[in-house]
Amino acid sequence: MLVSKKGFNLDCRKCPRLANFLDEVRDDRPDYFARPVPSFGDSNARLLIVGLAPGMHGANRTGRPFTGDHAGVLLFQTLYDLAFSTSPVSESGSDGLELKDCRITNAVRCLPPQNKPIGSEVNNCNEFLLEELQRVPKAGVVIALGSVAHSAVLKALNLKQSLYPFVHESMHELNSDLRMIDSYHCSRYNTQTRRLTHEMFKNVFVKARELLDQK
């Protein structure tokens, strides 16, 4: 496994395209967070959720992953239903919501143009993802929201991509201490086209809860 040497930095400018784009966003929307978005939740949580990247009017605005956008509506309701969150609604970084035995991060910490990070940007952020994975206690679970998050987790752990194909609801034994469950991303497009239903999404978290509750 790789060893991370540098901590996450709110002033990170490792990706020129993303850094310059955030500069433009801050100029246009001075009330937005518009910086690399930190992870949210208990740093010792047994469940780590990995998304793609901050959304323009969600995490990029509020400074908290999945907060204030469409994708967060389904995610936080599901977390609440499975006792991972104190509230079913996440509106702002100061709304008092707390996660329980759960932490949320993204494969890419900065808002990408058109919500599409490029490979080098995923790679540049991979060290920060590794730091999150290293914090997950033994017998922990990672939920990868989408194929980019799935691949980023495998890269961080130096695992061969072809041995762990992305399939919704599939569970992968990454090593003796960590399992990963795949899910389609809870984006507006996926939910509105019914590629991902509420029941399908909830089943992923039910499976995670069952794994964590095993003694």
N, C-alpha and C. Protein backbone atom coordinates (compact mmCIF):
# COMPACT_ATOMS: atom_id res chain seq x y z
N MET A 1 0.84 -1.20 0.00
CA MET A 1 0.00 0.00 0.00
C MET A 1 0.88 1.26 0.00
N LEU A 2 0.42 2.26 -0.70
CA LEU A 2 1.11 3.55 -0.66
C LEU A 2 0.99 4.17 0.72
N VAL A 3 1.89 5.05 1.05
CA VAL A 3 1.82 5.76 2.33
C VAL A 3 1.69 7.25 2.05
N SER A 4 0.63 7.83 2.56
CA SER A 4 0.41 9.26 2.35
C SER A 4 1.35 10.07 3.23
N LYS A 5 1.93 11.12 2.66
CA LYS A 5 2.89 11.94 3.40
C LYS A 5 2.40 13.36 3.64
N LYS A 6 1.38 13.79 2.89
CA LYS A 6 0.91 15.16 3.01
C LYS A 6 -0.56 15.19 3.35
N GLY A 7 -0.94 16.04 4.28
CA GLY A 7 -2.33 16.14 4.66
C GLY A 7 -3.12 17.01 3.69
N PHE A 8 -4.43 16.87 3.75
CA PHE A 8 -5.32 17.66 2.91
C PHE A 8 -5.16 19.14 3.24
N ASN A 9 -5.18 19.98 2.21
CA ASN A 9 -4.92 21.40 2.35
C ASN A 9 -6.02 22.20 1.65
N LEU A 10 -6.68 23.07 2.39
CA LEU A 10 -7.74 23.90 1.81
C LEU A 10 -7.22 24.85 0.74
N ASP A 11 -5.94 25.08 0.73
CA ASP A 11 -5.34 25.97 -0.26
C ASP A 11 -4.63 25.21 -1.37
N CYS A 12 -4.93 23.93 -1.49
CA CYS A 12 -4.27 23.09 -2.50
C CYS A 12 -4.51 23.65 -3.91
N ARG A 13 -3.45 23.68 -4.72
CA ARG A 13 -3.53 24.11 -6.12
C ARG A 13 -2.76 23.13 -7.01
N LYS A 14 -2.83 21.84 -6.66
CA LYS A 14 -2.10 20.83 -7.42
C LYS A 14 -2.64 20.68 -8.84
N CYS A 15 -3.90 21.02 -9.05
CA CYS A 15 -4.53 20.88 -10.37
C CYS A 15 -4.82 22.27 -10.93
N PRO A 16 -3.99 22.79 -11.82
CA PRO A 16 -4.17 24.15 -12.33
C PRO A 16 -5.55 24.42 -12.91
N ARG A 17 -6.10 23.48 -13.66
CA ARG A 17 -7.42 23.69 -14.26
C ARG A 17 -8.48 23.90 -13.19
N LEU A 18 -8.45 23.08 -12.15
CA LEU A 18 -9.44 23.19 -11.08
C LEU A 18 -9.20 24.44 -10.24
N ALA A 19 -7.95 24.73 -9.93
CA ALA A 19 -7.64 25.91 -9.11
C ALA A 19 -8.07 27.19 -9.82
N ASN A 20 -7.80 27.26 -11.10
CA ASN A 20 -8.20 28.45 -11.86
C ASN A 20 -9.71 28.57 -11.98
N PHE A 21 -10.36 27.42 -12.13
CA PHE A 21 -11.82 27.44 -12.21
C PHE A 21 -12.43 27.92 -10.90
N LEU A 22 -11.88 27.48 -9.78
CA LEU A 22 -12.38 27.93 -8.48
C LEU A 22 -12.13 29.42 -8.27
N ASP A 23 -11.02 29.92 -8.79
CA ASP A 23 -10.77 31.37 -8.73
C ASP A 23 -11.90 32.13 -9.43
N GLU A 24 -12.31 31.63 -10.59
CA GLU A 24 -13.39 32.26 -11.35
C GLU A 24 -14.71 32.17 -10.60
N VAL A 25 -14.97 31.03 -10.00
CA VAL A 25 -16.22 30.84 -9.26
C VAL A 25 -16.28 31.80 -8.07
N ARG A 26 -15.17 31.95 -7.35
CA ARG A 26 -15.15 32.88 -6.21
C ARG A 26 -15.40 34.31 -6.66
N ASP A 27 -14.87 34.68 -7.82
CA ASP A 27 -15.11 36.03 -8.33
C ASP A 27 -16.58 36.23 -8.67
N ASP A 28 -17.20 35.21 -9.26
CA ASP A 28 -18.60 35.32 -9.67
C ASP A 28 -19.57 35.14 -8.51
N ARG A 29 -19.17 34.31 -7.54
CA ARG A 29 -20.04 33.98 -6.41
C ARG A 29 -19.26 34.09 -5.10
N PRO A 30 -19.02 35.29 -4.63
CA PRO A 30 -18.18 35.49 -3.44
C PRO A 30 -18.75 34.88 -2.16
N ASP A 31 -20.03 34.53 -2.16
CA ASP A 31 -20.63 33.92 -0.98
C ASP A 31 -20.48 32.40 -0.97
N TYR A 32 -19.92 31.82 -2.03
CA TYR A 32 -19.72 30.38 -2.10
C TYR A 32 -18.41 29.98 -1.41
N PHE A 33 -18.36 28.76 -0.93
CA PHE A 33 -17.14 28.22 -0.31
C PHE A 33 -16.01 28.20 -1.34
N ALA A 34 -16.23 27.59 -2.49
CA ALA A 34 -15.34 27.64 -3.66
C ALA A 34 -13.87 27.38 -3.32
N ARG A 35 -13.64 26.31 -2.59
CA ARG A 35 -12.29 25.86 -2.25
C ARG A 35 -12.30 24.34 -2.25
N PRO A 36 -11.16 23.69 -2.12
CA PRO A 36 -11.18 22.24 -1.94
C PRO A 36 -12.05 21.88 -0.73
N VAL A 37 -12.95 20.92 -0.92
CA VAL A 37 -13.93 20.60 0.13
C VAL A 37 -13.40 19.50 1.04
N PRO A 38 -13.33 19.74 2.35
CA PRO A 38 -12.85 18.71 3.28
C PRO A 38 -13.87 17.59 3.47
N SER A 39 -13.41 16.47 3.97
CA SER A 39 -14.31 15.38 4.30
C SER A 39 -15.18 15.79 5.48
N PHE A 40 -16.26 15.04 5.69
CA PHE A 40 -17.20 15.37 6.75
C PHE A 40 -17.56 14.10 7.52
N GLY A 41 -17.53 14.19 8.85
CA GLY A 41 -17.92 13.07 9.69
C GLY A 41 -16.82 12.66 10.65
N ASP A 42 -17.07 11.58 11.36
CA ASP A 42 -16.16 11.06 12.36
C ASP A 42 -14.90 10.52 11.68
N SER A 43 -13.74 10.98 12.08
CA SER A 43 -12.49 10.54 11.46
C SER A 43 -12.19 9.07 11.77
N ASN A 44 -12.87 8.50 12.76
CA ASN A 44 -12.69 7.08 13.10
C ASN A 44 -13.90 6.24 12.68
N ALA A 45 -14.72 6.74 11.79
CA ALA A 45 -15.93 6.04 11.38
C ALA A 45 -15.60 4.74 10.66
N ARG A 46 -16.45 3.75 10.86
CA ARG A 46 -16.26 2.46 10.19
C ARG A 46 -16.84 2.46 8.78
N LEU A 47 -17.70 3.43 8.47
CA LEU A 47 -18.26 3.53 7.12
C LEU A 47 -17.71 4.79 6.46
N LEU A 48 -17.06 4.61 5.32
CA LEU A 48 -16.55 5.72 4.53
C LEU A 48 -17.27 5.73 3.19
N ILE A 49 -17.92 6.85 2.87
CA ILE A 49 -18.61 7.02 1.60
C ILE A 49 -17.73 7.87 0.69
N VAL A 50 -17.49 7.39 -0.52
CA VAL A 50 -16.64 8.11 -1.47
C VAL A 50 -17.48 8.51 -2.68
N GLY A 51 -17.63 9.82 -2.87
CA GLY A 51 -18.35 10.33 -4.03
C GLY A 51 -17.39 10.73 -5.13
N LEU A 52 -17.91 11.47 -6.11
CA LEU A 52 -17.10 11.88 -7.26
C LEU A 52 -16.36 13.19 -6.98
N ALA A 53 -17.11 14.28 -6.85
CA ALA A 53 -16.52 15.62 -6.68
C ALA A 53 -17.61 16.56 -6.18
N PRO A 54 -17.25 17.71 -5.64
CA PRO A 54 -18.25 18.69 -5.20
C PRO A 54 -19.12 19.16 -6.36
N GLY A 55 -20.40 19.40 -6.07
CA GLY A 55 -21.30 19.99 -7.05
C GLY A 55 -21.26 21.51 -6.95
N MET A 56 -21.53 22.17 -8.07
CA MET A 56 -21.46 23.64 -8.11
C MET A 56 -22.27 24.30 -7.01
N HIS A 57 -23.53 23.91 -6.87
CA HIS A 57 -24.42 24.58 -5.91
C HIS A 57 -24.66 23.74 -4.65
N GLY A 58 -23.88 22.66 -4.53
CA GLY A 58 -23.95 21.83 -3.34
C GLY A 58 -22.73 22.06 -2.46
N ALA A 59 -21.81 21.09 -2.47
CA ALA A 59 -20.62 21.19 -1.62
C ALA A 59 -19.76 22.40 -1.97
N ASN A 60 -19.69 22.77 -3.23
CA ASN A 60 -18.90 23.94 -3.60
C ASN A 60 -19.48 25.22 -3.00
N ARG A 61 -20.77 25.23 -2.75
CA ARG A 61 -21.42 26.39 -2.13
C ARG A 61 -21.34 26.33 -0.61
N THR A 62 -21.61 25.14 -0.05
CA THR A 62 -21.75 25.01 1.40
C THR A 62 -20.47 24.61 2.12
N GLY A 63 -19.52 24.00 1.40
CA GLY A 63 -18.30 23.54 2.02
C GLY A 63 -18.40 22.20 2.71
N ARG A 64 -19.50 21.47 2.47
CA ARG A 64 -19.68 20.15 3.07
C ARG A 64 -20.15 19.18 2.00
N PRO A 65 -19.56 18.00 1.90
CA PRO A 65 -19.92 17.06 0.84
C PRO A 65 -21.42 16.75 0.79
N PHE A 66 -21.97 16.81 -0.42
CA PHE A 66 -23.36 16.44 -0.71
C PHE A 66 -24.39 17.33 0.00
N THR A 67 -23.97 18.43 0.52
CA THR A 67 -24.88 19.30 1.27
C THR A 67 -25.43 20.41 0.39
N GLY A 68 -26.74 20.48 0.28
CA GLY A 68 -27.38 21.55 -0.45
C GLY A 68 -27.64 21.27 -1.91
N ASP A 69 -27.46 20.01 -2.36
CA ASP A 69 -27.76 19.71 -3.76
C ASP A 69 -28.66 18.48 -3.87
N HIS A 70 -29.04 18.17 -5.09
CA HIS A 70 -30.00 17.08 -5.33
C HIS A 70 -29.46 15.74 -4.85
N ALA A 71 -28.20 15.45 -5.13
CA ALA A 71 -27.64 14.15 -4.74
C ALA A 71 -27.70 13.94 -3.24
N GLY A 72 -27.56 15.02 -2.48
CA GLY A 72 -27.59 14.90 -1.04
C GLY A 72 -28.96 14.58 -0.47
N VAL A 73 -30.01 14.88 -1.21
CA VAL A 73 -31.36 14.61 -0.72
C VAL A 73 -31.54 13.12 -0.45
N LEU A 74 -31.21 12.31 -1.43
CA LEU A 74 -31.35 10.85 -1.27
C LEU A 74 -30.30 10.31 -0.31
N LEU A 75 -29.08 10.82 -0.39
CA LEU A 75 -28.02 10.29 0.46
C LEU A 75 -28.32 10.50 1.94
N PHE A 76 -28.65 11.71 2.34
CA PHE A 76 -28.85 11.96 3.77
C PHE A 76 -30.13 11.34 4.30
N GLN A 77 -31.16 11.23 3.47
CA GLN A 77 -32.36 10.52 3.90
C GLN A 77 -32.03 9.05 4.16
N THR A 78 -31.23 8.46 3.29
CA THR A 78 -30.84 7.06 3.45
C THR A 78 -29.95 6.88 4.67
N LEU A 79 -29.02 7.78 4.87
CA LEU A 79 -28.16 7.70 6.06
C LEU A 79 -28.99 7.79 7.33
N TYR A 80 -29.97 8.67 7.33
CA TYR A 80 -30.85 8.81 8.50
C TYR A 80 -31.66 7.53 8.72
N ASP A 81 -32.18 6.96 7.66
CA ASP A 81 -32.99 5.74 7.77
C ASP A 81 -32.19 4.58 8.35
N LEU A 82 -30.89 4.56 8.08
CA LEU A 82 -30.03 3.47 8.57
C LEU A 82 -29.23 3.87 9.80
N ALA A 83 -29.62 4.96 10.45
CA ALA A 83 -29.02 5.42 11.72
C ALA A 83 -27.57 5.86 11.58
N PHE A 84 -27.20 6.37 10.40
CA PHE A 84 -25.87 6.92 10.22
C PHE A 84 -25.86 8.45 10.32
N SER A 85 -27.02 9.08 10.41
CA SER A 85 -27.10 10.53 10.46
C SER A 85 -28.15 10.96 11.48
N THR A 86 -27.95 12.13 12.07
CA THR A 86 -28.90 12.64 13.05
C THR A 86 -30.07 13.37 12.39
N SER A 87 -30.00 13.61 11.09
CA SER A 87 -31.06 14.31 10.39
C SER A 87 -31.19 13.78 8.96
N PRO A 88 -32.41 13.76 8.40
CA PRO A 88 -32.59 13.30 7.03
C PRO A 88 -32.35 14.39 6.00
N VAL A 89 -32.11 15.62 6.45
CA VAL A 89 -31.94 16.74 5.54
C VAL A 89 -30.65 17.49 5.85
N SER A 90 -29.86 17.73 4.81
CA SER A 90 -28.60 18.46 4.95
C SER A 90 -28.66 19.70 4.08
N GLU A 91 -28.77 20.87 4.72
CA GLU A 91 -28.98 22.11 3.98
C GLU A 91 -27.76 23.03 3.97
N SER A 92 -27.01 23.04 5.07
CA SER A 92 -25.85 23.93 5.15
C SER A 92 -24.83 23.33 6.12
N GLY A 93 -23.62 23.86 6.06
CA GLY A 93 -22.59 23.37 6.94
C GLY A 93 -22.80 23.71 8.40
N SER A 94 -23.78 24.57 8.69
CA SER A 94 -24.05 24.98 10.07
C SER A 94 -25.43 24.55 10.55
N ASP A 95 -26.00 23.51 9.92
CA ASP A 95 -27.36 23.10 10.27
C ASP A 95 -27.42 22.13 11.45
N GLY A 96 -26.27 21.77 11.99
CA GLY A 96 -26.24 20.91 13.17
C GLY A 96 -26.27 19.42 12.88
N LEU A 97 -26.39 19.03 11.63
CA LEU A 97 -26.41 17.61 11.29
C LEU A 97 -25.08 16.96 11.66
N GLU A 98 -25.16 15.76 12.24
CA GLU A 98 -23.96 15.00 12.57
C GLU A 98 -24.07 13.60 11.99
N LEU A 99 -22.95 13.05 11.58
CA LEU A 99 -22.91 11.68 11.10
C LEU A 99 -22.50 10.76 12.24
N LYS A 100 -23.03 9.54 12.23
CA LYS A 100 -22.75 8.57 13.29
C LYS A 100 -22.05 7.35 12.69
N ASP A 101 -20.81 7.14 13.08
CA ASP A 101 -20.00 6.03 12.57
C ASP A 101 -19.91 6.07 11.04
N CYS A 102 -19.88 7.27 10.50
CA CYS A 102 -19.91 7.47 9.05
C CYS A 102 -19.10 8.71 8.69
N ARG A 103 -18.47 8.67 7.53
CA ARG A 103 -17.68 9.80 7.03
C ARG A 103 -17.88 9.87 5.51
N ILE A 104 -17.92 11.08 4.99
CA ILE A 104 -18.13 11.29 3.55
C ILE A 104 -16.96 12.06 2.98
N THR A 105 -16.47 11.60 1.84
CA THR A 105 -15.40 12.30 1.13
C THR A 105 -15.66 12.20 -0.36
N ASN A 106 -14.75 12.74 -1.17
CA ASN A 106 -14.87 12.66 -2.62
C ASN A 106 -13.55 12.24 -3.24
N ALA A 107 -13.64 11.59 -4.40
CA ALA A 107 -12.43 11.21 -5.13
C ALA A 107 -11.65 12.44 -5.56
N VAL A 108 -12.37 13.52 -5.89
CA VAL A 108 -11.78 14.81 -6.25
C VAL A 108 -12.37 15.86 -5.34
N ARG A 109 -11.54 16.67 -4.68
CA ARG A 109 -12.03 17.59 -3.67
C ARG A 109 -12.47 18.95 -4.21
N CYS A 110 -12.12 19.26 -5.46
CA CYS A 110 -12.46 20.56 -6.03
C CYS A 110 -13.55 20.42 -7.09
N LEU A 111 -14.37 21.43 -7.20
CA LEU A 111 -15.39 21.48 -8.24
C LEU A 111 -14.75 21.43 -9.62
N PRO A 112 -15.10 20.44 -10.46
CA PRO A 112 -14.56 20.41 -11.82
C PRO A 112 -15.53 21.05 -12.81
N PRO A 113 -15.02 21.68 -13.85
CA PRO A 113 -15.91 22.22 -14.89
C PRO A 113 -16.82 21.13 -15.44
N GLN A 114 -18.11 21.46 -15.57
CA GLN A 114 -19.11 20.52 -16.09
C GLN A 114 -19.20 19.24 -15.27
N ASN A 115 -18.73 19.30 -14.03
CA ASN A 115 -18.77 18.16 -13.11
C ASN A 115 -18.00 16.96 -13.65
N LYS A 116 -16.94 17.22 -14.44
CA LYS A 116 -16.19 16.13 -15.06
C LYS A 116 -14.69 16.31 -14.80
N PRO A 117 -14.18 15.68 -13.75
CA PRO A 117 -12.73 15.73 -13.52
C PRO A 117 -12.00 14.89 -14.55
N ILE A 118 -10.76 15.24 -14.84
CA ILE A 118 -9.95 14.45 -15.74
C ILE A 118 -9.05 13.53 -14.93
N GLY A 119 -8.44 12.56 -15.61
CA GLY A 119 -7.68 11.53 -14.90
C GLY A 119 -6.58 12.06 -14.02
N SER A 120 -5.84 13.06 -14.50
CA SER A 120 -4.74 13.59 -13.70
C SER A 120 -5.24 14.25 -12.41
N GLU A 121 -6.45 14.80 -12.44
CA GLU A 121 -7.01 15.44 -11.25
C GLU A 121 -7.43 14.38 -10.22
N VAL A 122 -7.98 13.28 -10.70
CA VAL A 122 -8.29 12.17 -9.80
C VAL A 122 -7.01 11.64 -9.18
N ASN A 123 -5.96 11.53 -9.99
CA ASN A 123 -4.68 11.04 -9.48
C ASN A 123 -4.08 11.98 -8.45
N ASN A 124 -4.16 13.28 -8.71
CA ASN A 124 -3.59 14.25 -7.78
C ASN A 124 -4.27 14.21 -6.42
N CYS A 125 -5.55 13.89 -6.41
CA CYS A 125 -6.31 13.85 -5.16
C CYS A 125 -6.23 12.48 -4.48
N ASN A 126 -5.62 11.53 -5.15
CA ASN A 126 -5.65 10.15 -4.64
C ASN A 126 -4.95 10.01 -3.30
N GLU A 127 -3.93 10.83 -3.07
CA GLU A 127 -3.23 10.76 -1.79
C GLU A 127 -4.14 11.16 -0.63
N PHE A 128 -5.02 12.12 -0.87
CA PHE A 128 -5.96 12.54 0.17
C PHE A 128 -6.99 11.43 0.44
N LEU A 129 -7.39 10.72 -0.63
CA LEU A 129 -8.30 9.59 -0.45
C LEU A 129 -7.63 8.49 0.34
N LEU A 130 -6.36 8.24 0.05
CA LEU A 130 -5.62 7.22 0.79
C LEU A 130 -5.62 7.54 2.28
N GLU A 131 -5.44 8.80 2.64
CA GLU A 131 -5.46 9.18 4.05
C GLU A 131 -6.79 8.79 4.71
N GLU A 132 -7.88 8.99 3.98
CA GLU A 132 -9.19 8.63 4.52
C GLU A 132 -9.31 7.11 4.68
N LEU A 133 -8.84 6.38 3.70
CA LEU A 133 -8.92 4.92 3.76
C LEU A 133 -8.08 4.36 4.91
N GLN A 134 -6.96 4.99 5.16
CA GLN A 134 -6.09 4.53 6.24
C GLN A 134 -6.70 4.76 7.62
N ARG A 135 -7.65 5.66 7.70
CA ARG A 135 -8.30 5.94 8.98
C ARG A 135 -9.41 4.94 9.30
N VAL A 136 -9.92 4.25 8.30
CA VAL A 136 -11.05 3.35 8.54
C VAL A 136 -10.60 2.19 9.42
N PRO A 137 -11.28 1.94 10.53
CA PRO A 137 -10.88 0.87 11.44
C PRO A 137 -11.03 -0.52 10.80
N LYS A 138 -10.47 -1.50 11.44
CA LYS A 138 -10.56 -2.88 10.98
C LYS A 138 -12.02 -3.29 10.84
N ALA A 139 -12.32 -4.06 9.80
CA ALA A 139 -13.67 -4.52 9.48
C ALA A 139 -14.57 -3.38 9.04
N GLY A 140 -13.96 -2.31 8.54
CA GLY A 140 -14.75 -1.19 8.04
C GLY A 140 -15.27 -1.44 6.64
N VAL A 141 -16.12 -0.52 6.18
CA VAL A 141 -16.77 -0.64 4.88
C VAL A 141 -16.65 0.69 4.13
N VAL A 142 -16.32 0.59 2.85
CA VAL A 142 -16.33 1.74 1.96
C VAL A 142 -17.49 1.59 0.98
N ILE A 143 -18.26 2.64 0.78
CA ILE A 143 -19.26 2.66 -0.28
C ILE A 143 -18.76 3.59 -1.36
N ALA A 144 -18.57 3.06 -2.56
CA ALA A 144 -18.11 3.85 -3.69
C ALA A 144 -19.30 4.27 -4.53
N LEU A 145 -19.54 5.57 -4.62
CA LEU A 145 -20.66 6.09 -5.39
C LEU A 145 -20.20 6.38 -6.82
N GLY A 146 -20.35 5.39 -7.68
CA GLY A 146 -19.97 5.54 -9.07
C GLY A 146 -18.63 4.92 -9.40
N SER A 147 -18.39 4.72 -10.69
CA SER A 147 -17.19 4.01 -11.13
C SER A 147 -15.91 4.81 -10.91
N VAL A 148 -15.98 6.14 -10.97
CA VAL A 148 -14.77 6.94 -10.73
C VAL A 148 -14.31 6.79 -9.29
N ALA A 149 -15.25 6.87 -8.35
CA ALA A 149 -14.92 6.67 -6.94
C ALA A 149 -14.38 5.26 -6.71
N HIS A 150 -15.03 4.28 -7.31
CA HIS A 150 -14.61 2.88 -7.22
C HIS A 150 -13.16 2.73 -7.67
N SER A 151 -12.85 3.25 -8.83
CA SER A 151 -11.49 3.14 -9.38
C SER A 151 -10.47 3.90 -8.53
N ALA A 152 -10.89 5.05 -7.99
CA ALA A 152 -9.98 5.84 -7.16
C ALA A 152 -9.60 5.10 -5.88
N VAL A 153 -10.56 4.39 -5.29
CA VAL A 153 -10.28 3.60 -4.09
C VAL A 153 -9.26 2.51 -4.41
N LEU A 154 -9.49 1.81 -5.51
CA LEU A 154 -8.57 0.73 -5.89
C LEU A 154 -7.16 1.27 -6.16
N LYS A 155 -7.09 2.41 -6.82
CA LYS A 155 -5.78 3.01 -7.11
C LYS A 155 -5.06 3.39 -5.82
N ALA A 156 -5.78 3.98 -4.88
CA ALA A 156 -5.17 4.40 -3.62
C ALA A 156 -4.58 3.20 -2.86
N LEU A 157 -5.26 2.05 -2.97
CA LEU A 157 -4.81 0.86 -2.26
C LEU A 157 -3.90 -0.01 -3.12
N ASN A 158 -3.55 0.49 -4.31
CA ASN A 158 -2.64 -0.23 -5.22
C ASN A 158 -3.19 -1.60 -5.59
N LEU A 159 -4.48 -1.66 -5.88
CA LEU A 159 -5.14 -2.90 -6.26
C LEU A 159 -5.43 -2.90 -7.76
N LYS A 160 -5.41 -4.06 -8.35
CA LYS A 160 -5.60 -4.20 -9.79
C LYS A 160 -7.06 -3.99 -10.16
N GLN A 161 -7.31 -3.03 -11.03
CA GLN A 161 -8.68 -2.65 -11.38
C GLN A 161 -9.48 -3.84 -11.94
N SER A 162 -8.86 -4.64 -12.78
CA SER A 162 -9.60 -5.72 -13.45
C SER A 162 -10.10 -6.80 -12.50
N LEU A 163 -9.52 -6.87 -11.33
CA LEU A 163 -9.94 -7.89 -10.36
C LEU A 163 -11.16 -7.46 -9.55
N TYR A 164 -11.54 -6.20 -9.67
CA TYR A 164 -12.66 -5.67 -8.88
C TYR A 164 -13.59 -4.86 -9.80
N PRO A 165 -14.36 -5.51 -10.65
CA PRO A 165 -15.24 -4.78 -11.58
C PRO A 165 -16.34 -4.04 -10.85
N PHE A 166 -16.67 -2.86 -11.36
CA PHE A 166 -17.75 -2.07 -10.76
C PHE A 166 -19.10 -2.64 -11.16
N VAL A 167 -19.89 -3.04 -10.17
CA VAL A 167 -21.25 -3.54 -10.39
C VAL A 167 -22.10 -3.06 -9.23
N HIS A 168 -23.20 -2.42 -9.52
CA HIS A 168 -24.05 -1.91 -8.45
C HIS A 168 -24.43 -3.02 -7.48
N GLU A 169 -24.26 -2.73 -6.18
CA GLU A 169 -24.55 -3.62 -5.06
C GLU A 169 -23.55 -4.74 -4.87
N SER A 170 -22.49 -4.79 -5.67
CA SER A 170 -21.48 -5.83 -5.47
C SER A 170 -20.59 -5.46 -4.28
N MET A 171 -20.08 -6.47 -3.61
CA MET A 171 -19.22 -6.28 -2.46
C MET A 171 -17.85 -6.87 -2.77
N HIS A 172 -16.79 -6.11 -2.47
CA HIS A 172 -15.42 -6.54 -2.75
C HIS A 172 -14.62 -6.61 -1.46
N GLU A 173 -13.92 -7.69 -1.26
CA GLU A 173 -12.97 -7.80 -0.15
C GLU A 173 -11.66 -7.17 -0.61
N LEU A 174 -11.38 -5.96 -0.17
CA LEU A 174 -10.18 -5.26 -0.62
C LEU A 174 -8.93 -5.77 0.08
N ASN A 175 -9.06 -6.09 1.33
CA ASN A 175 -8.01 -6.74 2.10
C ASN A 175 -8.66 -7.36 3.33
N SER A 176 -7.86 -7.86 4.25
CA SER A 176 -8.43 -8.55 5.41
C SER A 176 -9.21 -7.63 6.33
N ASP A 177 -9.02 -6.31 6.17
CA ASP A 177 -9.64 -5.36 7.09
C ASP A 177 -10.70 -4.47 6.46
N LEU A 178 -10.87 -4.53 5.14
CA LEU A 178 -11.71 -3.53 4.47
C LEU A 178 -12.52 -4.13 3.34
N ARG A 179 -13.84 -3.83 3.34
CA ARG A 179 -14.73 -4.22 2.26
C ARG A 179 -15.24 -2.99 1.54
N MET A 180 -15.55 -3.14 0.25
CA MET A 180 -16.14 -2.05 -0.52
C MET A 180 -17.41 -2.51 -1.20
N ILE A 181 -18.45 -1.68 -1.13
CA ILE A 181 -19.71 -1.95 -1.82
C ILE A 181 -19.89 -0.87 -2.89
N ASP A 182 -20.24 -1.30 -4.09
CA ASP A 182 -20.44 -0.38 -5.20
C ASP A 182 -21.89 0.09 -5.27
N SER A 183 -22.06 1.34 -5.64
CA SER A 183 -23.40 1.89 -5.89
C SER A 183 -23.33 2.88 -7.04
N TYR A 184 -24.38 2.90 -7.84
CA TYR A 184 -24.50 4.01 -8.78
C TYR A 184 -24.54 5.30 -7.98
N HIS A 185 -24.01 6.36 -8.55
CA HIS A 185 -24.02 7.65 -7.87
C HIS A 185 -25.46 8.16 -7.77
N CYS A 186 -25.76 8.81 -6.65
CA CYS A 186 -27.12 9.31 -6.39
C CYS A 186 -27.32 10.68 -7.04
N SER A 187 -26.88 10.82 -8.27
CA SER A 187 -27.01 12.07 -9.00
C SER A 187 -28.45 12.29 -9.48
N ARG A 188 -28.74 13.51 -9.85
CA ARG A 188 -30.06 13.83 -10.39
C ARG A 188 -30.36 12.98 -11.63
N TYR A 189 -29.35 12.87 -12.50
CA TYR A 189 -29.55 12.10 -13.74
C TYR A 189 -29.90 10.65 -13.44
N ASN A 190 -29.15 10.01 -12.55
CA ASN A 190 -29.38 8.59 -12.26
C ASN A 190 -30.72 8.35 -11.59
N THR A 191 -31.13 9.24 -10.71
CA THR A 191 -32.41 9.04 -10.01
C THR A 191 -33.60 9.39 -10.90
N GLN A 192 -33.48 10.42 -11.72
CA GLN A 192 -34.60 10.80 -12.57
C GLN A 192 -34.81 9.83 -13.72
N THR A 193 -33.73 9.20 -14.18
CA THR A 193 -33.87 8.21 -15.25
C THR A 193 -34.19 6.82 -14.69
N ARG A 194 -34.24 6.71 -13.38
CA ARG A 194 -34.54 5.45 -12.69
C ARG A 194 -33.43 4.41 -12.85
N ARG A 195 -32.27 4.85 -13.29
CA ARG A 195 -31.14 3.93 -13.26
C ARG A 195 -30.85 3.54 -11.82
N LEU A 196 -31.09 4.50 -10.92
CA LEU A 196 -30.94 4.25 -9.49
C LEU A 196 -32.24 4.64 -8.80
N THR A 197 -32.92 3.66 -8.22
CA THR A 197 -34.13 3.94 -7.46
C THR A 197 -33.79 4.08 -5.98
N HIS A 198 -34.73 4.63 -5.22
CA HIS A 198 -34.51 4.78 -3.78
C HIS A 198 -34.28 3.42 -3.13
N GLU A 199 -35.02 2.42 -3.57
CA GLU A 199 -34.88 1.08 -3.01
C GLU A 199 -33.50 0.49 -3.32
N MET A 200 -33.05 0.67 -4.56
CA MET A 200 -31.72 0.17 -4.93
C MET A 200 -30.63 0.82 -4.07
N PHE A 201 -30.77 2.11 -3.87
CA PHE A 201 -29.76 2.84 -3.09
C PHE A 201 -29.80 2.41 -1.63
N LYS A 202 -30.99 2.29 -1.10
CA LYS A 202 -31.12 1.88 0.30
C LYS A 202 -30.55 0.49 0.53
N ASN A 203 -30.72 -0.40 -0.45
CA ASN A 203 -30.20 -1.76 -0.30
C ASN A 203 -28.69 -1.77 -0.10
N VAL A 204 -28.00 -0.85 -0.73
CA VAL A 204 -26.54 -0.75 -0.56
C VAL A 204 -26.21 -0.44 0.89
N PHE A 205 -26.94 0.48 1.49
CA PHE A 205 -26.65 0.88 2.86
C PHE A 205 -27.14 -0.13 3.87
N VAL A 206 -28.19 -0.86 3.52
CA VAL A 206 -28.62 -1.97 4.37
C VAL A 206 -27.52 -3.02 4.43
N LYS A 207 -26.93 -3.30 3.28
CA LYS A 207 -25.84 -4.28 3.24
C LYS A 207 -24.65 -3.78 4.06
N ALA A 208 -24.34 -2.49 3.97
CA ALA A 208 -23.24 -1.93 4.76
C ALA A 208 -23.53 -2.04 6.25
N ARG A 209 -24.75 -1.72 6.63
CA ARG A 209 -25.13 -1.81 8.04
C ARG A 209 -25.02 -3.24 8.55
N GLU A 210 -25.44 -4.20 7.75
CA GLU A 210 -25.36 -5.60 8.15
C GLU A 210 -23.91 -6.03 8.34
N LEU A 211 -23.03 -5.59 7.45
CA LEU A 211 -21.62 -5.94 7.58
C LEU A 211 -21.01 -5.34 8.84
N LEU A 212 -21.36 -4.09 9.12
CA LEU A 212 -20.82 -3.43 10.31
C LEU A 212 -21.37 -4.02 11.60
N ASP A 213 -22.59 -4.53 11.55
CA ASP A 213 -23.22 -5.07 12.75
C ASP A 213 -22.80 -6.51 13.04
N GLN A 214 -22.10 -7.13 12.11
CA GLN A 214 -21.62 -8.49 12.34
C GLN A 214 -20.58 -8.50 13.45
N LYS A 215 -20.68 -9.43 14.33
CA LYS A 215 -19.74 -9.53 15.45
C LYS A 215 -18.72 -10.64 15.17
